[in-house]
Protein backbone atom coordinates (compact mmCIF):
# COMPACT_ATOMS: atom_id res chain seq x y z
CA MET A 1 -75.19 -34.72 272.30
CA ASP A 2 -76.94 -35.37 268.97
CA VAL A 3 -75.05 -37.45 266.45
CA ILE A 4 -75.17 -36.53 262.74
CA ASP A 5 -75.06 -39.58 260.46
CA VAL A 6 -73.91 -38.32 257.06
CA TRP A 7 -74.60 -41.48 255.00
CA VAL A 8 -77.99 -43.18 255.38
CA GLN A 9 -80.30 -44.84 252.86
CA HIS A 10 -83.95 -45.54 253.49
CA PRO A 11 -84.40 -48.88 251.66
CA THR A 12 -87.02 -48.69 248.92
CA ARG A 13 -88.22 -51.56 246.75
CA GLY A 14 -85.92 -50.65 243.85
CA PHE A 15 -82.94 -50.48 246.18
CA ALA A 16 -83.71 -53.63 248.16
CA ASN A 17 -84.20 -55.81 245.09
CA GLU A 18 -80.83 -55.07 243.47
CA PRO A 19 -78.78 -58.28 243.04
CA PHE A 20 -75.48 -56.41 243.21
CA LEU A 21 -76.03 -55.93 246.96
CA GLU A 22 -75.71 -59.68 247.56
CA PRO A 23 -72.12 -59.48 248.95
CA LEU A 24 -73.27 -56.90 251.50
CA ARG A 25 -76.13 -59.15 252.58
CA ARG A 26 -73.67 -61.99 253.00
CA TRP A 27 -71.06 -59.98 254.92
CA THR A 28 -73.50 -58.20 257.23
CA ARG A 29 -75.95 -61.12 257.51
CA ARG A 30 -78.78 -58.65 257.01
CA ASP A 31 -81.66 -58.49 254.57
CA PHE A 32 -82.19 -54.97 253.24
CA GLY A 33 -85.90 -55.38 252.75
CA VAL A 34 -88.42 -52.61 252.30
CA VAL A 35 -89.36 -51.06 255.63
CA PRO A 36 -91.65 -48.13 256.48
CA ILE A 37 -90.00 -44.77 257.05
CA GLU A 38 -91.14 -45.00 260.68
CA GLU A 39 -88.76 -47.93 261.15
CA THR A 40 -85.76 -46.04 259.79
CA ALA A 41 -86.67 -43.08 262.02
CA ARG A 42 -86.92 -45.40 265.04
CA VAL A 43 -83.49 -46.92 264.33
CA MET A 44 -81.91 -43.49 264.08
CA ARG A 45 -83.48 -42.16 267.26
CA GLU A 46 -82.72 -45.26 269.30
CA ALA A 47 -79.08 -44.95 268.24
CA GLY A 48 -78.97 -41.32 269.38
CA VAL A 49 -78.80 -39.89 265.86
CA GLY A 50 -80.23 -36.38 265.83
CA ARG A 51 -79.88 -35.71 262.08
CA ALA A 52 -79.50 -38.27 259.28
CA LEU A 53 -78.54 -37.31 255.73
CA LEU A 54 -80.65 -39.41 253.36
CA SER A 55 -79.08 -40.52 250.09
CA PRO A 56 -80.83 -40.96 246.75
CA TRP A 57 -79.36 -43.53 244.34
CA TYR A 58 -79.35 -42.64 240.65
CA GLY A 59 -77.72 -44.83 238.01
CA PRO A 60 -78.12 -45.79 234.36
CA GLN A 61 -81.02 -48.07 235.32
CA GLY A 62 -82.87 -45.06 236.74
CA PRO A 63 -83.45 -44.05 240.37
CA LEU A 64 -83.21 -46.87 242.91
CA ILE A 65 -84.04 -44.27 245.57
CA SER A 66 -85.46 -41.11 244.03
CA ASN A 67 -85.18 -37.49 245.10
CA ASP A 68 -88.93 -37.46 245.66
CA GLU A 69 -88.71 -40.47 247.97
CA VAL A 70 -86.04 -38.63 249.97
CA LEU A 71 -88.27 -35.55 250.00
CA GLN A 72 -91.20 -37.57 251.36
CA ALA A 73 -89.03 -38.71 254.28
CA THR A 74 -87.66 -35.24 255.03
CA SER A 75 -91.18 -33.78 254.87
CA GLN A 76 -92.50 -36.38 257.31
CA TYR A 77 -89.55 -36.05 259.72
CA PRO A 78 -88.12 -32.54 259.14
CA ASP A 79 -86.28 -32.48 262.47
CA LEU A 80 -84.53 -35.80 261.79
CA PHE A 81 -83.92 -36.36 258.09
CA VAL A 82 -81.91 -34.08 255.81
CA GLY A 83 -82.07 -34.52 252.05
CA LEU A 84 -79.27 -34.98 249.56
CA ALA A 85 -80.06 -34.72 245.85
CA SER A 86 -78.90 -36.68 242.83
CA ALA A 87 -79.67 -36.79 239.11
CA ASP A 88 -79.20 -38.60 235.80
CA LEU A 89 -75.70 -37.70 234.67
CA ARG A 90 -76.47 -38.50 231.04
CA ASN A 91 -78.47 -35.27 230.72
CA PRO A 92 -76.20 -32.66 232.34
CA VAL A 93 -78.44 -29.65 231.74
CA GLU A 94 -81.43 -31.36 233.33
CA ALA A 95 -79.17 -32.73 236.08
CA VAL A 96 -78.16 -29.20 237.05
CA ARG A 97 -81.80 -28.08 237.03
CA THR A 98 -82.77 -31.04 239.23
CA VAL A 99 -80.06 -30.42 241.78
CA ARG A 100 -80.78 -26.72 241.88
CA HIS A 101 -84.51 -27.38 242.41
CA TYR A 102 -84.08 -29.69 245.39
CA VAL A 103 -81.46 -27.49 247.04
CA THR A 104 -83.21 -24.15 246.56
CA GLN A 105 -86.86 -25.23 246.80
CA HIS A 106 -86.69 -28.08 249.32
CA GLY A 107 -83.66 -27.29 251.46
CA PHE A 108 -81.53 -30.29 250.46
CA LYS A 109 -78.04 -29.86 251.87
CA GLY A 110 -75.81 -31.54 249.28
CA VAL A 111 -75.53 -33.82 246.27
CA ARG A 112 -74.78 -37.55 246.29
CA PHE A 113 -73.30 -39.57 243.43
CA ILE A 114 -72.40 -43.25 243.70
CA GLN A 115 -69.81 -43.43 240.97
CA TRP A 116 -69.65 -47.22 240.68
CA LEU A 117 -73.33 -47.30 239.69
CA TRP A 118 -72.35 -45.36 236.58
CA GLU A 119 -68.92 -47.00 236.22
CA TRP A 120 -67.63 -43.48 235.58
CA PRO A 121 -65.17 -41.84 237.97
CA CYS A 122 -66.01 -38.36 239.22
CA THR A 123 -63.51 -36.95 236.71
CA HIS A 124 -65.83 -37.89 233.81
CA ALA A 125 -67.00 -34.80 231.91
CA LEU A 126 -70.68 -35.45 232.67
CA TYR A 127 -70.13 -34.80 236.40
CA TYR A 128 -68.57 -31.39 235.85
CA PRO A 129 -71.71 -29.27 235.27
CA VAL A 130 -73.20 -30.55 238.53
CA LEU A 131 -69.91 -30.03 240.40
CA ALA A 132 -69.90 -26.42 239.19
CA ALA A 133 -73.52 -26.06 240.35
CA CYS A 134 -72.53 -27.36 243.81
CA VAL A 135 -69.96 -24.58 244.05
CA GLU A 136 -72.54 -21.97 243.03
CA LEU A 137 -75.08 -23.38 245.50
CA ASN A 138 -72.42 -23.74 248.24
CA VAL A 139 -73.31 -27.35 249.00
CA PRO A 140 -70.99 -30.38 249.24
CA VAL A 141 -70.81 -33.19 246.74
CA CYS A 142 -70.75 -36.58 248.48
CA LEU A 143 -68.87 -39.39 246.74
CA GLN A 144 -67.74 -42.95 247.42
CA VAL A 145 -64.06 -43.80 247.79
CA GLY A 146 -62.27 -47.10 248.29
CA LEU A 147 -63.34 -50.68 247.78
CA THR A 148 -66.77 -51.23 246.22
CA GLY A 149 -68.58 -53.84 248.30
CA PRO A 150 -71.36 -54.52 245.76
CA LEU A 151 -70.69 -56.40 242.55
CA HIS A 152 -69.20 -53.49 240.60
CA SER A 153 -65.66 -52.34 239.85
CA SER A 154 -63.74 -50.43 242.52
CA GLU A 155 -61.80 -48.39 239.96
CA THR A 156 -64.14 -45.40 240.26
CA GLY A 157 -63.38 -45.14 244.00
CA ARG A 158 -59.67 -44.41 243.72
CA PRO A 159 -58.78 -41.24 245.66
CA LEU A 160 -56.65 -39.94 242.77
CA HIS A 161 -59.95 -39.02 241.08
CA ILE A 162 -60.77 -36.86 244.11
CA GLU A 163 -57.46 -35.03 243.75
CA ARG A 164 -58.31 -34.14 240.15
CA ILE A 165 -61.70 -32.59 240.90
CA ALA A 166 -60.29 -30.80 243.96
CA LEU A 167 -57.74 -29.20 241.65
CA ASP A 168 -60.36 -28.29 239.06
CA PHE A 169 -62.87 -26.98 241.62
CA PRO A 170 -60.87 -25.47 244.50
CA GLU A 171 -64.01 -24.09 246.19
CA LEU A 172 -65.95 -27.37 245.99
CA LYS A 173 -66.65 -29.14 249.29
CA ILE A 174 -66.09 -32.87 248.73
CA VAL A 175 -67.18 -35.46 251.31
CA CYS A 176 -65.61 -38.85 250.61
CA GLY A 177 -67.57 -41.74 252.09
CA HIS A 178 -66.32 -45.21 253.05
CA ILE A 179 -62.86 -44.09 254.29
CA GLY A 180 -61.05 -44.97 251.06
CA TYR A 181 -59.76 -48.40 252.13
CA PRO A 182 -57.48 -49.93 250.82
CA TRP A 183 -56.24 -46.52 249.60
CA HIS A 184 -57.04 -44.74 252.86
CA ASN A 185 -53.53 -43.28 253.23
CA GLU A 186 -53.94 -41.57 249.86
CA MET A 187 -57.37 -40.33 250.95
CA MET A 188 -55.97 -38.83 254.15
CA ALA A 189 -53.15 -37.20 252.18
CA PHE A 190 -55.65 -35.49 249.88
CA ALA A 191 -57.84 -34.45 252.82
CA THR A 192 -54.71 -32.83 254.27
CA LYS A 193 -53.70 -31.23 250.97
CA PHE A 194 -57.06 -29.65 250.13
CA PRO A 195 -58.98 -27.48 252.62
CA HIS A 196 -62.40 -28.58 251.31
CA VAL A 197 -61.88 -32.37 251.11
CA PHE A 198 -63.33 -34.46 253.94
CA ILE A 199 -63.73 -38.13 254.86
CA ASP A 200 -66.72 -39.95 256.31
CA THR A 201 -66.48 -43.33 258.01
CA SER A 202 -69.63 -44.95 256.58
CA ALA A 203 -69.57 -48.69 255.88
CA TYR A 204 -67.10 -49.35 258.72
CA LYS A 205 -67.54 -49.85 262.44
CA PRO A 206 -64.92 -48.15 264.65
CA GLY A 207 -63.28 -51.49 265.44
CA ARG A 208 -62.41 -51.74 261.73
CA TYR A 209 -61.12 -48.20 261.18
CA PRO A 210 -57.53 -48.35 259.95
CA VAL A 211 -55.04 -47.37 262.66
CA GLU A 212 -53.72 -44.63 260.38
CA LEU A 213 -57.19 -43.06 260.19
CA VAL A 214 -57.58 -43.08 263.97
CA ALA A 215 -54.19 -41.36 264.33
CA PHE A 216 -55.27 -38.81 261.69
CA MET A 217 -58.48 -38.11 263.62
CA LYS A 218 -56.49 -37.46 266.79
CA SER A 219 -54.04 -35.06 265.16
CA HIS A 220 -54.15 -32.76 262.12
CA GLY A 221 -57.23 -34.52 260.72
CA ARG A 222 -59.56 -33.84 263.64
CA HIS A 223 -61.54 -31.30 261.58
CA LYS A 224 -61.62 -33.56 258.52
CA VAL A 225 -63.49 -36.74 259.51
CA MET A 226 -67.19 -37.18 260.18
CA PHE A 227 -69.41 -40.05 261.26
CA GLY A 228 -71.47 -42.14 258.85
CA SER A 229 -73.06 -45.56 259.20
CA ASN A 230 -74.25 -46.55 255.70
CA TYR A 231 -77.54 -47.79 257.16
CA PRO A 232 -79.23 -50.20 256.40
CA MET A 233 -75.96 -52.04 255.72
CA ILE A 234 -74.80 -51.13 259.24
CA ASN A 235 -76.98 -49.95 262.10
CA PRO A 236 -75.63 -46.68 263.55
CA ALA A 237 -76.09 -48.05 267.08
CA ASP A 238 -73.65 -50.87 266.24
CA CYS A 239 -71.08 -48.26 265.21
CA LEU A 240 -71.60 -45.97 268.17
CA GLN A 241 -71.29 -48.73 270.76
CA GLU A 242 -67.69 -49.23 269.56
CA LEU A 243 -66.83 -45.53 269.78
CA ASP A 244 -64.77 -45.86 272.97
CA LEU A 245 -62.34 -48.13 271.09
CA LEU A 246 -61.02 -45.02 269.31
CA GLY A 247 -59.77 -43.30 272.48
CA LEU A 248 -60.85 -39.84 271.34
CA ASP A 249 -60.80 -36.88 273.71
CA ALA A 250 -64.07 -35.03 274.29
CA GLU A 251 -63.52 -32.28 271.71
CA THR A 252 -62.31 -34.65 268.98
CA ARG A 253 -65.24 -36.93 269.67
CA ALA A 254 -67.68 -34.00 269.28
CA LEU A 255 -66.00 -32.91 266.04
CA PHE A 256 -66.28 -36.41 264.65
CA LEU A 257 -69.87 -37.09 265.72
CA TYR A 258 -71.50 -33.80 264.78
CA LYS A 259 -69.46 -30.59 264.71
CA ASN A 260 -67.62 -31.28 261.45
CA ALA A 261 -70.85 -32.26 259.70
CA GLN A 262 -72.66 -29.20 261.09
CA ARG A 263 -69.99 -26.98 259.57
CA VAL A 264 -69.57 -28.68 256.21
CA PHE A 265 -73.29 -29.21 255.50
CA ALA A 266 -74.41 -25.93 257.13
CA LEU A 267 -76.87 -27.74 259.41
């Protein structure tokens, strides 16, 4: 079976040089240096990843990974990489135009915002035009929830912000990356409450998934959780080799590894 990894970054020079990633380098004992796209493709394929959703990174300092850099990767490996779009939130009209362009003209399958880069939660008014555009385009918005590993505040990752936008945009598909720890019980409650709110497990290996999340995946949350690695911080192969620790039955395992992502991202 082909795994879908819903949170991957291809490390560019702007991304790799950011000092706020220092805690992640220390915890993972990895250097996120610039590598050719062929190396990221090799890592994905050796792990058994059939599709990888590539994330751009846009913040007030400009793009650390640009939409065009994502497009270059998806153009070179169209059967492996899937693009997500992002934009400068400070210009909401242009942000909507940018997102619409990459979704309609280049087949990008969603929008990614890393809220802590902006230090604005997703309830800030400048997100709302793009969230409305996601509904019109029928693509998910992908956000970060939980503890912020890099040297930024975690306040923007509180799941209560997700509840607010789910109330304001009931048709919006919201994929919440990084589990939501230490507020993961809140995150699971909101994924239960709202039909279009989902969780991805990026930034955590299965051996570190909270026991409550594993129970959720085995019960009423089996259609709500999808696999993500957060490469290059974590190699997807390192995650997948711990998969048996979860004790998932065959159907739940398939939902987690690819079926939920296929459905939500229309892959």
